[in-house]
Protein backbone atom coordinates (compact mmCIF):
# COMPACT_ATOMS: atom_id res chain seq x y z
CA MET A 1 28.70 24.65 9.71
CA ALA A 2 31.61 27.16 9.71
CA LYS A 3 34.29 26.64 12.35
CA GLY A 4 34.03 30.18 13.70
CA SER A 5 30.22 30.05 13.89
CA ARG A 6 28.65 29.96 17.40
CA LYS A 7 25.50 28.18 16.17
CA GLY A 8 25.54 24.52 16.84
CA CYS A 9 27.92 24.79 19.73
CA GLY A 10 27.02 23.68 23.20
CA ARG A 11 25.36 20.80 24.89
CA GLY A 12 22.00 21.00 23.04
CA SER A 13 23.45 20.45 19.59
CA VAL A 14 25.32 17.34 20.86
CA ILE A 15 22.14 15.96 22.13
CA LEU A 16 20.27 16.73 18.82
CA GLU A 17 23.05 15.07 16.86
CA ALA A 18 22.88 11.94 18.99
CA GLN A 19 19.18 11.86 18.64
CA ALA A 20 19.43 12.17 14.88
CA ASP A 21 21.91 9.20 14.80
CA VAL A 22 19.42 7.11 16.83
CA HIS A 23 16.61 7.91 14.38
CA LYS A 24 18.82 7.02 11.39
CA ALA A 25 19.74 3.73 12.98
CA GLN A 26 16.05 2.96 13.77
CA ALA A 27 15.10 3.82 10.16
CA ARG A 28 17.76 1.32 8.89
CA TYR A 29 16.77 -1.40 11.29
CA ALA A 30 14.50 -4.03 9.62
CA TRP A 31 11.79 -4.26 12.21
CA TRP A 32 9.83 -6.57 9.95
CA ASP A 33 12.45 -9.23 10.44
CA THR A 34 11.98 -8.99 14.24
CA GLU A 35 8.23 -9.23 13.77
CA ALA A 36 8.70 -12.38 11.54
CA GLN A 37 10.98 -13.90 14.20
CA LEU A 38 8.24 -13.20 16.83
CA TYR A 39 5.66 -15.16 14.69
CA ILE A 40 8.10 -17.98 14.31
CA ASN A 41 8.98 -18.19 18.02
CA GLU A 42 5.46 -17.51 19.48
CA PHE A 43 3.16 -19.18 16.94
CA GLY A 44 5.36 -21.84 15.42
CA MET A 45 5.06 -20.48 11.86
CA ASP A 46 7.63 -21.36 9.25
CA LEU A 47 9.79 -18.57 7.94
CA ALA A 48 7.84 -18.18 4.62
CA THR A 49 4.48 -17.91 6.28
CA ALA A 50 5.78 -15.48 8.87
CA ARG A 51 7.32 -13.34 6.25
CA THR A 52 4.04 -13.33 4.23
CA VAL A 53 1.99 -12.37 7.36
CA VAL A 54 4.37 -9.46 8.04
CA ILE A 55 4.38 -8.19 4.43
CA VAL A 56 0.56 -8.34 4.23
CA ARG A 57 0.10 -6.63 7.60
CA TRP A 58 2.49 -3.79 6.72
CA MET A 59 0.96 -3.34 3.28
CA LEU A 60 -2.51 -2.93 4.87
CA HIS A 61 -1.02 -0.08 6.82
CA GLY A 62 0.39 1.48 3.58
CA ASN A 63 4.05 0.59 4.26
CA PHE A 64 5.74 -1.44 1.54
CA LYS A 65 9.28 -1.66 3.12
CA PRO A 66 9.04 -5.40 3.97
CA LEU A 67 7.80 -6.20 0.44
CA ILE A 68 10.69 -4.11 -1.04
CA ALA A 69 13.16 -5.80 1.25
CA ALA A 70 11.80 -9.33 0.29
CA ILE A 71 12.11 -8.41 -3.46
CA HIS A 72 15.60 -7.16 -3.10
CA ALA A 73 16.59 -10.19 -1.10
CA GLY A 74 15.20 -12.48 -3.78
CA HIS A 75 12.62 -14.19 -1.61
CA ASN A 76 9.77 -16.01 -3.26
CA LEU A 77 6.47 -14.09 -2.62
CA ASP A 78 3.31 -15.83 -1.72
CA LYS A 79 0.34 -15.57 -4.11
CA VAL A 80 -1.51 -13.69 -1.34
CA VAL A 81 1.04 -10.86 -1.44
CA LEU A 82 1.03 -10.78 -5.27
CA HIS A 83 -2.85 -10.69 -5.48
CA MET A 84 -3.04 -8.00 -2.79
CA LEU A 85 -0.48 -5.91 -4.64
CA ALA A 86 -2.39 -6.41 -7.87
CA SER A 87 -5.68 -5.36 -6.10
CA MET A 88 -4.09 -2.25 -4.76
CA LEU A 89 -2.69 -1.34 -8.12
CA GLU A 90 -6.26 -1.80 -9.63
CA GLY A 91 -7.72 0.35 -6.95
CA SER A 92 -9.82 -2.30 -5.28
CA LYS A 93 -12.04 -1.07 -2.54
CA MET A 94 -11.19 -4.16 -0.41
CA PHE A 95 -8.01 -2.57 0.79
CA PRO A 96 -7.52 0.76 2.51
CA VAL A 97 -4.47 1.61 0.47
CA HIS A 98 -4.51 2.29 -3.23
CA LEU A 99 -1.49 2.70 -5.52
CA GLN A 100 -2.02 5.57 -7.83
CA PRO A 101 0.17 7.74 -10.06
CA VAL A 102 1.94 10.55 -8.11
CA SER A 103 0.75 14.09 -8.52
CA GLY A 104 2.42 16.44 -10.87
CA ARG A 105 3.34 20.03 -10.20
CA ARG A 106 0.86 22.08 -8.17
CA GLY A 107 -1.04 19.07 -7.03
CA ARG A 108 -2.49 18.09 -10.53
CA ARG A 109 -2.88 14.46 -11.25
CA VAL A 110 -0.47 12.84 -13.65
CA ARG A 111 -2.21 11.43 -16.71
CA ALA A 112 -1.97 7.55 -16.57
CA MET A 113 0.43 6.10 -19.14
CA HIS A 114 -0.80 3.28 -21.35
CA PRO A 115 2.23 1.18 -22.35
CA GLU A 116 -0.09 -1.11 -24.37
CA ASN A 117 -0.59 1.72 -26.85
CA THR A 118 3.00 1.63 -27.99
CA ILE A 119 2.88 -1.91 -29.21
CA ARG A 120 -0.69 -1.46 -30.59
CA ASP A 121 0.39 1.54 -32.70
CA TRP A 122 3.39 -0.30 -33.95
CA ALA A 123 1.35 -3.23 -35.01
CA ILE A 124 -1.22 -0.97 -36.66
CA ALA A 125 1.61 0.71 -38.66
CA GLN A 126 2.99 -2.72 -39.72
CA VAL A 127 -0.38 -4.00 -40.84
CA TYR A 128 -1.20 -0.81 -42.67
CA GLU A 129 2.05 -0.75 -44.61
CA ALA A 130 1.51 -4.39 -45.67
CA ALA A 131 -2.18 -3.88 -46.58
CA ASP A 132 -3.59 -3.47 -50.07
CA GLY A 133 -6.49 -1.25 -50.73
CA SER A 134 -7.50 2.36 -50.25
CA SER A 135 -6.24 4.16 -47.23
CA ASP A 136 -9.75 4.87 -45.81
CA GLU A 137 -10.74 1.26 -46.22
CA VAL A 138 -7.68 -0.07 -44.43
CA PHE A 139 -8.04 2.52 -41.64
CA ALA A 140 -11.74 1.61 -41.20
CA ALA A 141 -11.00 -2.06 -41.16
CA LEU A 142 -8.16 -1.72 -38.56
CA ALA A 143 -10.42 0.54 -36.44
CA LYS A 144 -13.29 -1.94 -36.43
CA LEU A 145 -11.00 -4.87 -35.75
CA LEU A 146 -9.50 -3.12 -32.69
CA GLY A 147 -12.64 -1.38 -31.56
CA VAL A 148 -11.28 2.07 -31.71
CA SER A 149 -12.08 5.21 -33.69
CA ASP A 150 -10.79 5.73 -37.24
CA ARG A 151 -8.45 8.38 -35.86
CA THR A 152 -6.46 5.88 -33.77
CA PRO A 153 -4.96 4.01 -36.73
CA ARG A 154 -4.33 7.22 -38.68
CA ARG A 155 -2.40 8.63 -35.77
CA ALA A 156 -0.49 5.42 -35.30
CA VAL A 157 0.68 5.46 -38.94
CA SER A 158 1.51 9.14 -38.93
CA ALA A 159 3.57 8.69 -35.73
CA SER A 160 5.35 5.71 -37.27
CA ARG A 161 6.24 7.71 -40.33
CA LYS A 162 7.52 10.61 -38.29
CA LYS A 163 9.97 8.33 -36.41
CA ARG A 164 11.64 7.10 -39.60
């Protein structure tokens, strides 16, 4: 704000700034640690179990901050947490939260990426270059082996040659 400006001056702006500082401090405070300590004190849980209960409870509510904090801190994650995360990524109906690709511009869904195709296409190109026989036969054999259309090996080889 400019020094000569009248906006932001006065008692109201000071209160708003103080409230903003409180909200920032609350956002930084790790409430999940307090919840884990409560489980330890009240229910006699060990730290790892309490941490797992907190992470799972927060994940069920769609908040992954305790999970992120545990990963950054290098804590070992329980199999329950990992299975739950995997189920959420797969879109399992067991959980109310599903992790999906974010929307693109104007609300359109982003096409899911398939990283396995990169290595598949590289392998197809390597096998094709080493194979003997006519092109059509090799492409047909690769397509049958992989359970894909004949176009897939052709595109993989073409893309490989373009990269050279």
